[in-house]
Amino acid sequence: MKEIELRGSPSLSMILVCGFQALYVTDALWHEEAILTTMDIVHDGFGFMLAFGDLCWVPFTYSLQAYFLVSHPQELSTAAAAVIILINAVGYIIFRGSNSQKNAFRRNPSDPSVSGLETIPTATGKRLLVSGWWGLVRHPNYLGDLIMALAWSLPCGVSHILPYFYVIYFTGLLIHREARDEHQCVKKYGLAWQEYCKRVPYRIFPYIY
């Protein structure tokens, strides 16, 4: 609305940023039940990190791209916009596909959408997915999330680091979160988790980390 007030119409860059974020919010609301099985809820619980993060950190950092574009308008070609949309789509497919696969398997391992996937039995009586999205890397949902975070920043150009603060910070957060998750899984699944790590050696980024 501020961009319309200043320039008469929203830029293509602003439309992409707001559109990508609207998709992300809509997805979270549509698949809200899956949030109840995340590390934030199951292990961390309600405390300073969750309260401060959701009420202060997220609103200010997620809006940096739009805030930047109001003061630093960017000309974006149709071809560049198409590439950025494709990057966001790839990230969303990985993010949603892996999260939905995990949630379906957790709710009902006999579900036709996941029943054919390869698994490893654990001492707890549960099984670990070692194929599908979860055979690509150990945290494919994090990979998809980071690709989308990059797509949110790209419409802002490369003249300033501010719009990229989110993806830089988010990369550090997810690497730290992955390490905490790894610690929990070693304690919970023991030898089965070690076997999973041998089968799927990369944590977030295929052939890199």
N, C-alpha and C. Protein backbone atom coordinates (compact mmCIF):
# COMPACT_ATOMS: atom_id res chain seq x y z
N MET A 1 0.83 -1.21 0.00
CA MET A 1 0.00 0.00 0.00
C MET A 1 0.86 1.26 0.00
N LYS A 2 1.98 1.21 0.71
CA LYS A 2 2.88 2.37 0.73
C LYS A 2 3.47 2.61 -0.65
N GLU A 3 3.79 1.54 -1.36
CA GLU A 3 4.34 1.67 -2.70
C GLU A 3 3.30 2.27 -3.65
N ILE A 4 2.06 1.88 -3.51
CA ILE A 4 0.98 2.45 -4.32
C ILE A 4 0.85 3.95 -4.02
N GLU A 5 0.94 4.28 -2.73
CA GLU A 5 0.84 5.69 -2.32
C GLU A 5 1.97 6.52 -2.92
N LEU A 6 3.18 5.95 -2.97
CA LEU A 6 4.34 6.69 -3.45
C LEU A 6 4.43 6.72 -4.97
N ARG A 7 4.07 5.59 -5.61
CA ARG A 7 4.36 5.47 -7.04
C ARG A 7 3.15 5.13 -7.90
N GLY A 8 2.00 4.98 -7.29
CA GLY A 8 0.79 4.76 -8.06
C GLY A 8 0.41 3.32 -8.28
N SER A 9 1.38 2.39 -8.19
CA SER A 9 1.09 0.98 -8.37
C SER A 9 2.21 0.14 -7.73
N PRO A 10 1.90 -1.08 -7.37
CA PRO A 10 2.94 -1.94 -6.78
C PRO A 10 3.89 -2.44 -7.87
N SER A 11 5.17 -2.56 -7.54
CA SER A 11 6.14 -3.06 -8.49
C SER A 11 6.05 -4.58 -8.60
N LEU A 12 6.61 -5.13 -9.66
CA LEU A 12 6.63 -6.58 -9.83
C LEU A 12 7.43 -7.23 -8.70
N SER A 13 8.49 -6.57 -8.26
CA SER A 13 9.30 -7.10 -7.16
C SER A 13 8.47 -7.22 -5.89
N MET A 14 7.69 -6.17 -5.60
CA MET A 14 6.86 -6.18 -4.38
C MET A 14 5.76 -7.24 -4.48
N ILE A 15 5.19 -7.40 -5.64
CA ILE A 15 4.14 -8.41 -5.84
C ILE A 15 4.71 -9.81 -5.58
N LEU A 16 5.93 -10.06 -6.07
CA LEU A 16 6.54 -11.37 -5.85
C LEU A 16 6.81 -11.61 -4.37
N VAL A 17 7.42 -10.64 -3.71
CA VAL A 17 7.74 -10.80 -2.28
C VAL A 17 6.48 -11.06 -1.47
N CYS A 18 5.47 -10.24 -1.65
CA CYS A 18 4.23 -10.39 -0.88
C CYS A 18 3.49 -11.67 -1.27
N GLY A 19 3.55 -12.02 -2.56
CA GLY A 19 2.90 -13.24 -3.01
C GLY A 19 3.55 -14.48 -2.42
N PHE A 20 4.87 -14.52 -2.41
CA PHE A 20 5.59 -15.66 -1.83
C PHE A 20 5.27 -15.81 -0.34
N GLN A 21 5.25 -14.69 0.35
CA GLN A 21 4.98 -14.74 1.79
C GLN A 21 3.53 -15.11 2.07
N ALA A 22 2.62 -14.66 1.23
CA ALA A 22 1.21 -15.04 1.38
C ALA A 22 1.03 -16.54 1.19
N LEU A 23 1.75 -17.12 0.23
CA LEU A 23 1.71 -18.57 0.01
C LEU A 23 2.22 -19.30 1.24
N TYR A 24 3.28 -18.82 1.84
CA TYR A 24 3.89 -19.44 3.01
C TYR A 24 2.93 -19.42 4.20
N VAL A 25 2.29 -18.28 4.42
CA VAL A 25 1.33 -18.16 5.52
C VAL A 25 0.11 -19.04 5.28
N THR A 26 -0.41 -19.03 4.07
CA THR A 26 -1.57 -19.86 3.73
C THR A 26 -1.26 -21.33 3.92
N ASP A 27 -0.07 -21.74 3.50
CA ASP A 27 0.34 -23.14 3.66
C ASP A 27 0.38 -23.52 5.14
N ALA A 28 0.94 -22.64 5.98
CA ALA A 28 1.03 -22.93 7.41
C ALA A 28 -0.36 -23.08 8.03
N LEU A 29 -1.30 -22.24 7.62
CA LEU A 29 -2.66 -22.32 8.17
C LEU A 29 -3.38 -23.56 7.66
N TRP A 30 -3.18 -23.88 6.38
CA TRP A 30 -3.86 -25.04 5.79
C TRP A 30 -3.38 -26.35 6.40
N HIS A 31 -2.07 -26.40 6.71
CA HIS A 31 -1.47 -27.62 7.26
C HIS A 31 -1.13 -27.43 8.74
N GLU A 32 -1.99 -26.72 9.44
CA GLU A 32 -1.70 -26.35 10.83
C GLU A 32 -1.47 -27.55 11.74
N GLU A 33 -2.16 -28.66 11.49
CA GLU A 33 -2.03 -29.82 12.37
C GLU A 33 -0.60 -30.36 12.38
N ALA A 34 0.13 -30.19 11.28
CA ALA A 34 1.50 -30.71 11.20
C ALA A 34 2.45 -29.93 12.10
N ILE A 35 2.10 -28.68 12.42
CA ILE A 35 2.96 -27.86 13.27
C ILE A 35 3.05 -28.44 14.67
N LEU A 36 2.02 -29.16 15.09
CA LEU A 36 1.99 -29.72 16.45
C LEU A 36 3.02 -30.82 16.66
N THR A 37 3.62 -31.32 15.58
CA THR A 37 4.63 -32.38 15.72
C THR A 37 6.05 -31.85 15.48
N THR A 38 6.21 -30.52 15.36
CA THR A 38 7.53 -29.96 15.13
C THR A 38 8.34 -29.90 16.42
N MET A 39 9.65 -29.69 16.27
CA MET A 39 10.55 -29.62 17.43
C MET A 39 10.14 -28.49 18.38
N ASP A 40 9.66 -27.36 17.82
CA ASP A 40 9.24 -26.23 18.65
C ASP A 40 8.22 -26.66 19.70
N ILE A 41 7.28 -27.48 19.29
CA ILE A 41 6.19 -27.88 20.17
C ILE A 41 6.56 -29.11 21.00
N VAL A 42 7.13 -30.13 20.35
CA VAL A 42 7.38 -31.41 21.01
C VAL A 42 8.51 -31.32 22.04
N HIS A 43 9.61 -30.63 21.68
CA HIS A 43 10.78 -30.62 22.56
C HIS A 43 11.02 -29.28 23.24
N ASP A 44 10.94 -28.17 22.49
CA ASP A 44 11.30 -26.88 23.07
C ASP A 44 10.23 -26.33 24.01
N GLY A 45 8.97 -26.49 23.61
CA GLY A 45 7.89 -25.96 24.45
C GLY A 45 7.82 -24.44 24.40
N PHE A 46 6.86 -23.92 25.15
CA PHE A 46 6.64 -22.46 25.15
C PHE A 46 7.60 -21.80 26.12
N GLY A 47 8.33 -20.83 25.62
CA GLY A 47 9.28 -20.09 26.45
C GLY A 47 9.73 -18.85 25.72
N PHE A 48 10.87 -18.30 26.15
CA PHE A 48 11.34 -17.04 25.57
C PHE A 48 11.55 -17.15 24.06
N MET A 49 12.19 -18.23 23.61
CA MET A 49 12.52 -18.37 22.20
C MET A 49 11.27 -18.33 21.33
N LEU A 50 10.26 -19.09 21.70
CA LEU A 50 9.04 -19.15 20.89
C LEU A 50 8.24 -17.85 21.00
N ALA A 51 8.13 -17.30 22.22
CA ALA A 51 7.37 -16.07 22.42
C ALA A 51 8.03 -14.89 21.71
N PHE A 52 9.31 -14.68 21.97
CA PHE A 52 10.02 -13.57 21.34
C PHE A 52 10.11 -13.76 19.83
N GLY A 53 10.35 -15.01 19.42
CA GLY A 53 10.47 -15.28 17.99
C GLY A 53 9.21 -14.95 17.22
N ASP A 54 8.07 -15.44 17.71
CA ASP A 54 6.81 -15.26 16.97
C ASP A 54 6.25 -13.84 17.08
N LEU A 55 6.48 -13.18 18.21
CA LEU A 55 5.88 -11.86 18.41
C LEU A 55 6.77 -10.70 17.99
N CYS A 56 8.08 -10.90 18.00
CA CYS A 56 9.00 -9.80 17.68
C CYS A 56 9.90 -10.11 16.49
N TRP A 57 10.65 -11.20 16.59
CA TRP A 57 11.66 -11.49 15.58
C TRP A 57 11.06 -11.74 14.21
N VAL A 58 10.08 -12.63 14.13
CA VAL A 58 9.48 -12.98 12.83
C VAL A 58 8.84 -11.77 12.14
N PRO A 59 7.99 -10.97 12.83
CA PRO A 59 7.37 -9.83 12.14
C PRO A 59 8.37 -8.84 11.58
N PHE A 60 9.49 -8.61 12.28
CA PHE A 60 10.45 -7.63 11.81
C PHE A 60 11.38 -8.17 10.73
N THR A 61 11.80 -9.43 10.84
CA THR A 61 12.73 -9.96 9.84
C THR A 61 12.03 -10.41 8.57
N TYR A 62 10.81 -10.94 8.68
CA TYR A 62 10.10 -11.40 7.49
C TYR A 62 9.63 -10.24 6.63
N SER A 63 9.59 -9.05 7.18
CA SER A 63 9.09 -7.90 6.42
C SER A 63 10.23 -7.04 5.85
N LEU A 64 11.48 -7.46 6.03
CA LEU A 64 12.62 -6.64 5.59
C LEU A 64 12.63 -6.43 4.08
N GLN A 65 12.25 -7.47 3.31
CA GLN A 65 12.29 -7.32 1.86
C GLN A 65 11.30 -6.26 1.38
N ALA A 66 10.07 -6.34 1.89
CA ALA A 66 9.05 -5.35 1.48
C ALA A 66 9.44 -3.95 1.96
N TYR A 67 9.97 -3.87 3.17
CA TYR A 67 10.42 -2.59 3.72
C TYR A 67 11.52 -1.99 2.84
N PHE A 68 12.45 -2.84 2.42
CA PHE A 68 13.55 -2.39 1.57
C PHE A 68 13.03 -1.87 0.23
N LEU A 69 12.07 -2.59 -0.36
CA LEU A 69 11.58 -2.21 -1.68
C LEU A 69 10.83 -0.88 -1.68
N VAL A 70 10.24 -0.50 -0.56
CA VAL A 70 9.56 0.79 -0.48
C VAL A 70 10.56 1.92 -0.68
N SER A 71 11.72 1.79 -0.06
CA SER A 71 12.74 2.84 -0.13
C SER A 71 13.73 2.65 -1.28
N HIS A 72 13.84 1.40 -1.78
CA HIS A 72 14.81 1.11 -2.84
C HIS A 72 14.10 0.32 -3.95
N PRO A 73 13.30 1.00 -4.78
CA PRO A 73 12.55 0.29 -5.84
C PRO A 73 13.49 -0.43 -6.80
N GLN A 74 13.06 -1.62 -7.23
CA GLN A 74 13.88 -2.44 -8.12
C GLN A 74 13.12 -2.74 -9.41
N GLU A 75 13.79 -2.54 -10.53
CA GLU A 75 13.22 -2.91 -11.82
C GLU A 75 13.50 -4.39 -12.06
N LEU A 76 12.47 -5.16 -12.29
CA LEU A 76 12.62 -6.60 -12.46
C LEU A 76 12.03 -7.00 -13.81
N SER A 77 12.84 -7.63 -14.65
CA SER A 77 12.36 -8.06 -15.97
C SER A 77 11.45 -9.28 -15.83
N THR A 78 10.66 -9.51 -16.86
CA THR A 78 9.76 -10.67 -16.84
C THR A 78 10.54 -11.97 -16.74
N ALA A 79 11.67 -12.04 -17.45
CA ALA A 79 12.49 -13.26 -17.44
C ALA A 79 13.06 -13.50 -16.05
N ALA A 80 13.55 -12.45 -15.41
CA ALA A 80 14.10 -12.58 -14.06
C ALA A 80 13.01 -12.99 -13.08
N ALA A 81 11.83 -12.41 -13.23
CA ALA A 81 10.71 -12.77 -12.35
C ALA A 81 10.34 -14.24 -12.52
N ALA A 82 10.36 -14.72 -13.77
CA ALA A 82 10.02 -16.12 -14.03
C ALA A 82 11.03 -17.06 -13.37
N VAL A 83 12.31 -16.71 -13.41
CA VAL A 83 13.34 -17.53 -12.77
C VAL A 83 13.14 -17.55 -11.26
N ILE A 84 12.85 -16.39 -10.68
CA ILE A 84 12.64 -16.31 -9.22
C ILE A 84 11.41 -17.11 -8.81
N ILE A 85 10.35 -17.02 -9.60
CA ILE A 85 9.14 -17.80 -9.32
C ILE A 85 9.45 -19.30 -9.38
N LEU A 86 10.26 -19.70 -10.34
CA LEU A 86 10.64 -21.11 -10.46
C LEU A 86 11.45 -21.56 -9.24
N ILE A 87 12.37 -20.72 -8.77
CA ILE A 87 13.16 -21.04 -7.58
C ILE A 87 12.24 -21.22 -6.38
N ASN A 88 11.29 -20.31 -6.20
CA ASN A 88 10.37 -20.42 -5.08
C ASN A 88 9.51 -21.68 -5.20
N ALA A 89 9.09 -21.99 -6.43
CA ALA A 89 8.26 -23.19 -6.65
C ALA A 89 9.03 -24.46 -6.30
N VAL A 90 10.30 -24.53 -6.69
CA VAL A 90 11.13 -25.69 -6.35
C VAL A 90 11.25 -25.83 -4.84
N GLY A 91 11.52 -24.70 -4.16
CA GLY A 91 11.62 -24.72 -2.70
C GLY A 91 10.32 -25.16 -2.05
N TYR A 92 9.20 -24.65 -2.56
CA TYR A 92 7.91 -25.00 -1.97
C TYR A 92 7.58 -26.47 -2.18
N ILE A 93 7.89 -27.00 -3.37
CA ILE A 93 7.62 -28.42 -3.65
C ILE A 93 8.41 -29.31 -2.70
N ILE A 94 9.68 -28.99 -2.49
CA ILE A 94 10.51 -29.77 -1.56
C ILE A 94 9.99 -29.63 -0.14
N PHE A 95 9.70 -28.39 0.26
CA PHE A 95 9.22 -28.11 1.62
C PHE A 95 7.90 -28.80 1.91
N ARG A 96 6.92 -28.60 1.05
CA ARG A 96 5.59 -29.16 1.29
C ARG A 96 5.60 -30.68 1.08
N GLY A 97 6.30 -31.14 0.04
CA GLY A 97 6.33 -32.58 -0.23
C GLY A 97 6.94 -33.36 0.92
N SER A 98 8.06 -32.89 1.45
CA SER A 98 8.73 -33.61 2.55
C SER A 98 7.94 -33.53 3.84
N ASN A 99 7.39 -32.37 4.14
CA ASN A 99 6.59 -32.24 5.36
C ASN A 99 5.32 -33.08 5.30
N SER A 100 4.67 -33.10 4.15
CA SER A 100 3.44 -33.90 4.01
C SER A 100 3.76 -35.39 4.08
N GLN A 101 4.88 -35.77 3.49
CA GLN A 101 5.29 -37.18 3.52
C GLN A 101 5.56 -37.62 4.96
N LYS A 102 6.28 -36.81 5.70
CA LYS A 102 6.58 -37.13 7.10
C LYS A 102 5.31 -37.19 7.94
N ASN A 103 4.42 -36.22 7.74
CA ASN A 103 3.19 -36.18 8.54
C ASN A 103 2.28 -37.36 8.22
N ALA A 104 2.19 -37.72 6.93
CA ALA A 104 1.36 -38.87 6.53
C ALA A 104 1.92 -40.16 7.13
N PHE A 105 3.25 -40.31 7.11
CA PHE A 105 3.88 -41.52 7.65
C PHE A 105 3.71 -41.58 9.16
N ARG A 106 3.82 -40.44 9.82
CA ARG A 106 3.67 -40.39 11.28
C ARG A 106 2.24 -40.75 11.70
N ARG A 107 1.27 -40.27 10.95
CA ARG A 107 -0.13 -40.54 11.29
C ARG A 107 -0.54 -41.97 10.97
N ASN A 108 -0.08 -42.47 9.80
CA ASN A 108 -0.49 -43.80 9.37
C ASN A 108 0.53 -44.37 8.39
N PRO A 109 1.48 -45.20 8.89
CA PRO A 109 2.50 -45.77 8.01
C PRO A 109 1.93 -46.62 6.88
N SER A 110 0.68 -47.04 7.01
CA SER A 110 0.05 -47.86 5.97
C SER A 110 -0.64 -47.02 4.91
N ASP A 111 -0.59 -45.70 5.06
CA ASP A 111 -1.19 -44.81 4.06
C ASP A 111 -0.60 -45.13 2.69
N PRO A 112 -1.44 -45.27 1.66
CA PRO A 112 -0.95 -45.63 0.32
C PRO A 112 0.13 -44.69 -0.21
N SER A 113 0.11 -43.43 0.22
CA SER A 113 1.10 -42.46 -0.28
C SER A 113 2.49 -42.70 0.26
N VAL A 114 2.60 -43.45 1.38
CA VAL A 114 3.92 -43.67 2.00
C VAL A 114 4.22 -45.15 2.26
N SER A 115 3.25 -46.02 2.06
CA SER A 115 3.42 -47.44 2.43
C SER A 115 4.52 -48.12 1.63
N GLY A 116 4.84 -47.62 0.44
CA GLY A 116 5.87 -48.24 -0.38
C GLY A 116 7.27 -47.73 -0.13
N LEU A 117 7.41 -46.76 0.77
CA LEU A 117 8.72 -46.19 1.05
C LEU A 117 9.55 -47.11 1.93
N GLU A 118 10.87 -47.06 1.73
CA GLU A 118 11.78 -47.90 2.50
C GLU A 118 11.97 -47.31 3.90
N THR A 119 12.03 -48.17 4.91
CA THR A 119 12.17 -47.71 6.29
C THR A 119 13.20 -48.55 7.05
N ILE A 120 13.60 -48.03 8.23
CA ILE A 120 14.50 -48.74 9.14
C ILE A 120 13.76 -48.90 10.47
N PRO A 121 13.69 -50.12 11.03
CA PRO A 121 13.05 -50.29 12.33
C PRO A 121 13.92 -49.72 13.45
N THR A 122 13.28 -49.21 14.51
CA THR A 122 14.00 -48.66 15.66
C THR A 122 13.63 -49.43 16.92
N ALA A 123 14.41 -49.23 17.98
CA ALA A 123 14.18 -49.91 19.25
C ALA A 123 12.89 -49.46 19.91
N THR A 124 12.38 -48.30 19.51
CA THR A 124 11.13 -47.78 20.10
C THR A 124 9.90 -48.41 19.47
N GLY A 125 10.10 -49.21 18.42
CA GLY A 125 8.97 -49.81 17.73
C GLY A 125 8.52 -49.01 16.52
N LYS A 126 9.07 -47.78 16.37
CA LYS A 126 8.74 -46.96 15.22
C LYS A 126 9.73 -47.25 14.09
N ARG A 127 9.49 -46.64 12.94
CA ARG A 127 10.36 -46.84 11.80
C ARG A 127 10.80 -45.48 11.25
N LEU A 128 12.01 -45.45 10.70
CA LEU A 128 12.54 -44.22 10.11
C LEU A 128 12.47 -44.31 8.59
N LEU A 129 11.98 -43.26 7.97
CA LEU A 129 11.96 -43.19 6.51
C LEU A 129 13.38 -43.03 5.98
N VAL A 130 13.75 -43.83 4.99
CA VAL A 130 15.06 -43.70 4.36
C VAL A 130 14.94 -43.60 2.84
N SER A 131 13.76 -43.30 2.36
CA SER A 131 13.56 -43.10 0.93
C SER A 131 12.58 -41.95 0.74
N GLY A 132 12.19 -41.70 -0.50
CA GLY A 132 11.36 -40.54 -0.76
C GLY A 132 12.18 -39.27 -0.51
N TRP A 133 11.52 -38.22 -0.07
CA TRP A 133 12.23 -36.98 0.23
C TRP A 133 13.28 -37.18 1.32
N TRP A 134 12.98 -38.09 2.27
CA TRP A 134 13.87 -38.29 3.42
C TRP A 134 15.04 -39.20 3.10
N GLY A 135 15.14 -39.65 1.86
CA GLY A 135 16.32 -40.36 1.40
C GLY A 135 17.25 -39.44 0.64
N LEU A 136 16.79 -38.20 0.37
CA LEU A 136 17.61 -37.19 -0.32
C LEU A 136 18.61 -36.56 0.64
N VAL A 137 18.11 -35.99 1.71
CA VAL A 137 18.91 -35.45 2.82
C VAL A 137 18.12 -35.73 4.10
N ARG A 138 18.75 -35.54 5.25
CA ARG A 138 18.07 -35.84 6.52
C ARG A 138 17.01 -34.81 6.87
N HIS A 139 17.14 -33.61 6.32
CA HIS A 139 16.15 -32.56 6.61
C HIS A 139 15.76 -31.85 5.31
N PRO A 140 15.04 -32.55 4.42
CA PRO A 140 14.65 -31.92 3.15
C PRO A 140 13.71 -30.73 3.34
N ASN A 141 12.94 -30.74 4.44
CA ASN A 141 12.05 -29.59 4.70
C ASN A 141 12.86 -28.32 4.95
N TYR A 142 14.02 -28.44 5.60
CA TYR A 142 14.88 -27.28 5.82
C TYR A 142 15.45 -26.78 4.49
N LEU A 143 15.82 -27.72 3.62
CA LEU A 143 16.34 -27.34 2.31
C LEU A 143 15.31 -26.55 1.54
N GLY A 144 14.06 -27.03 1.50
CA GLY A 144 13.00 -26.31 0.80
C GLY A 144 12.75 -24.94 1.40
N ASP A 145 12.76 -24.86 2.72
CA ASP A 145 12.55 -23.60 3.43
C ASP A 145 13.62 -22.57 3.04
N LEU A 146 14.87 -23.01 2.96
CA LEU A 146 15.97 -22.09 2.64
C LEU A 146 15.92 -21.64 1.18
N ILE A 147 15.50 -22.52 0.28
CA ILE A 147 15.37 -22.13 -1.12
C ILE A 147 14.28 -21.06 -1.25
N MET A 148 13.17 -21.23 -0.54
CA MET A 148 12.12 -20.22 -0.56
C MET A 148 12.60 -18.91 0.05
N ALA A 149 13.38 -18.98 1.13
CA ALA A 149 13.91 -17.76 1.76
C ALA A 149 14.78 -16.99 0.78
N LEU A 150 15.57 -17.71 -0.02
CA LEU A 150 16.38 -17.04 -1.04
C LEU A 150 15.50 -16.38 -2.09
N ALA A 151 14.43 -17.07 -2.50
CA ALA A 151 13.52 -16.50 -3.50
C ALA A 151 12.84 -15.24 -3.00
N TRP A 152 12.60 -15.15 -1.68
CA TRP A 152 11.99 -13.93 -1.13
C TRP A 152 12.94 -12.74 -1.26
N SER A 153 14.24 -13.00 -1.23
CA SER A 153 15.23 -11.92 -1.24
C SER A 153 15.64 -11.49 -2.64
N LEU A 154 15.63 -12.40 -3.59
CA LEU A 154 16.11 -12.12 -4.94
C LEU A 154 15.39 -10.96 -5.64
N PRO A 155 14.07 -10.73 -5.44
CA PRO A 155 13.43 -9.59 -6.10
C PRO A 155 14.00 -8.25 -5.67
N CYS A 156 14.78 -8.21 -4.60
CA CYS A 156 15.36 -6.96 -4.10
C CYS A 156 16.69 -6.63 -4.74
N GLY A 157 17.15 -7.46 -5.69
CA GLY A 157 18.42 -7.20 -6.33
C GLY A 157 19.59 -7.58 -5.45
N VAL A 158 20.77 -7.12 -5.82
CA VAL A 158 21.99 -7.48 -5.07
C VAL A 158 22.78 -6.24 -4.64
N SER A 159 22.12 -5.11 -4.55
CA SER A 159 22.83 -3.87 -4.20
C SER A 159 23.04 -3.71 -2.70
N HIS A 160 22.30 -4.46 -1.89
CA HIS A 160 22.39 -4.29 -0.44
C HIS A 160 22.17 -5.63 0.24
N ILE A 161 22.83 -5.82 1.38
CA ILE A 161 22.73 -7.09 2.10
C ILE A 161 21.47 -7.18 2.96
N LEU A 162 20.85 -6.05 3.28
CA LEU A 162 19.69 -6.05 4.18
C LEU A 162 18.60 -7.03 3.78
N PRO A 163 18.16 -7.07 2.51
CA PRO A 163 17.09 -8.01 2.16
C PRO A 163 17.50 -9.47 2.31
N TYR A 164 18.82 -9.72 2.36
CA TYR A 164 19.32 -11.09 2.48
C TYR A 164 19.60 -11.49 3.93
N PHE A 165 19.32 -10.55 4.86
CA PHE A 165 19.53 -10.88 6.27
C PHE A 165 18.73 -12.11 6.67
N TYR A 166 17.48 -12.18 6.19
CA TYR A 166 16.61 -13.30 6.57
C TYR A 166 17.20 -14.64 6.16
N VAL A 167 17.61 -14.78 4.91
CA VAL A 167 18.12 -16.07 4.44
C VAL A 167 19.45 -16.41 5.11
N ILE A 168 20.29 -15.39 5.40
CA ILE A 168 21.57 -15.63 6.08
C ILE A 168 21.32 -16.09 7.51
N TYR A 169 20.47 -15.35 8.22
CA TYR A 169 20.14 -15.72 9.60
C TYR A 169 19.45 -17.09 9.65
N PHE A 170 18.54 -17.32 8.71
CA PHE A 170 17.75 -18.55 8.70
C PHE A 170 18.63 -19.77 8.45
N THR A 171 19.68 -19.59 7.62
CA THR A 171 20.61 -20.68 7.38
C THR A 171 21.31 -21.07 8.67
N GLY A 172 21.78 -20.07 9.42
CA GLY A 172 22.42 -20.35 10.70
C GLY A 172 21.47 -20.99 11.69
N LEU A 173 20.24 -20.50 11.72
CA LEU A 173 19.24 -21.04 12.65
C LEU A 173 18.95 -22.50 12.35
N LEU A 174 18.76 -22.84 11.07
CA LEU A 174 18.41 -24.22 10.71
C LEU A 174 19.59 -25.18 10.88
N ILE A 175 20.81 -24.69 10.67
CA ILE A 175 21.97 -25.55 10.92
C ILE A 175 22.07 -25.84 12.42
N HIS A 176 21.83 -24.82 13.24
CA HIS A 176 21.84 -25.02 14.70
C HIS A 176 20.69 -25.92 15.12
N ARG A 177 19.54 -25.70 14.53
CA ARG A 177 18.37 -26.52 14.85
C ARG A 177 18.59 -27.98 14.45
N GLU A 178 19.22 -28.16 13.30
CA GLU A 178 19.52 -29.52 12.83
C GLU A 178 20.45 -30.24 13.80
N ALA A 179 21.42 -29.51 14.36
CA ALA A 179 22.34 -30.11 15.32
C ALA A 179 21.60 -30.53 16.59
N ARG A 180 20.66 -29.71 17.03
CA ARG A 180 19.85 -30.06 18.21
C ARG A 180 18.96 -31.26 17.91
N ASP A 181 18.41 -31.28 16.71
CA ASP A 181 17.55 -32.39 16.30
C ASP A 181 18.36 -33.68 16.22
N GLU A 182 19.57 -33.57 15.70
CA GLU A 182 20.46 -34.73 15.60
C GLU A 182 20.71 -35.33 16.99
N HIS A 183 20.96 -34.45 17.96
CA HIS A 183 21.21 -34.89 19.34
C HIS A 183 20.00 -35.65 19.91
N GLN A 184 18.81 -35.11 19.66
CA GLN A 184 17.58 -35.75 20.13
C GLN A 184 17.38 -37.11 19.46
N CYS A 185 17.66 -37.20 18.17
CA CYS A 185 17.44 -38.44 17.43
C CYS A 185 18.42 -39.53 17.83
N VAL A 186 19.67 -39.15 18.13
CA VAL A 186 20.65 -40.13 18.59
C VAL A 186 20.19 -40.74 19.90
N LYS A 187 19.69 -39.90 20.80
CA LYS A 187 19.19 -40.41 22.09
C LYS A 187 17.95 -41.27 21.92
N LYS A 188 17.09 -40.88 21.00
CA LYS A 188 15.81 -41.56 20.84
C LYS A 188 15.91 -42.85 20.05
N TYR A 189 16.69 -42.83 18.96
CA TYR A 189 16.70 -43.98 18.04
C TYR A 189 17.99 -44.80 18.07
N GLY A 190 19.06 -44.28 18.68
CA GLY A 190 20.29 -45.04 18.85
C GLY A 190 20.89 -45.58 17.56
N LEU A 191 21.06 -46.90 17.50
CA LEU A 191 21.71 -47.54 16.35
C LEU A 191 20.95 -47.34 15.05
N ALA A 192 19.63 -47.25 15.16
CA ALA A 192 18.82 -47.04 13.96
C ALA A 192 19.15 -45.69 13.32
N TRP A 193 19.37 -44.68 14.16
CA TRP A 193 19.71 -43.35 13.64
C TRP A 193 21.10 -43.37 13.00
N GLN A 194 22.03 -44.10 13.62
CA GLN A 194 23.36 -44.23 13.03
C GLN A 194 23.29 -44.90 11.66
N GLU A 195 22.44 -45.89 11.53
CA GLU A 195 22.25 -46.56 10.24
C GLU A 195 21.64 -45.59 9.23
N TYR A 196 20.67 -44.79 9.68
CA TYR A 196 20.05 -43.80 8.81
C TYR A 196 21.09 -42.80 8.30
N CYS A 197 21.99 -42.36 9.20
CA CYS A 197 23.02 -41.39 8.81
C CYS A 197 24.00 -41.98 7.79
N LYS A 198 24.24 -43.28 7.88
CA LYS A 198 25.09 -43.93 6.88
C LYS A 198 24.39 -43.97 5.53
N ARG A 199 23.09 -44.24 5.58
CA ARG A 199 22.31 -44.34 4.33
C ARG A 199 22.07 -42.97 3.70
N VAL A 200 21.90 -41.96 4.56
CA VAL A 200 21.63 -40.60 4.10
C VAL A 200 22.68 -39.68 4.74
N PRO A 201 23.85 -39.54 4.14
CA PRO A 201 24.95 -38.83 4.79
C PRO A 201 24.81 -37.31 4.86
N TYR A 202 24.03 -36.73 3.95
CA TYR A 202 23.94 -35.27 3.92
C TYR A 202 22.79 -34.76 4.78
N ARG A 203 23.06 -33.71 5.54
CA ARG A 203 22.10 -33.21 6.53
C ARG A 203 21.03 -32.32 5.91
N ILE A 204 21.46 -31.27 5.19
CA ILE A 204 20.50 -30.32 4.60
C ILE A 204 20.76 -30.12 3.10
N PHE A 205 22.01 -29.89 2.74
CA PHE A 205 22.36 -29.57 1.35
C PHE A 205 23.01 -30.78 0.67
N PRO A 206 22.38 -31.37 -0.33
CA PRO A 206 22.95 -32.55 -0.99
C PRO A 206 24.37 -32.31 -1.49
N TYR A 207 25.28 -33.24 -1.16
CA TYR A 207 26.68 -33.24 -1.60
C TYR A 207 27.49 -32.06 -1.04
N ILE A 208 26.90 -31.30 -0.09
CA ILE A 208 27.62 -30.18 0.53
C ILE A 208 27.68 -30.33 2.03
N TYR A 209 26.52 -30.49 2.66
CA TYR A 209 26.46 -30.55 4.13
C TYR A 209 25.31 -31.48 4.55
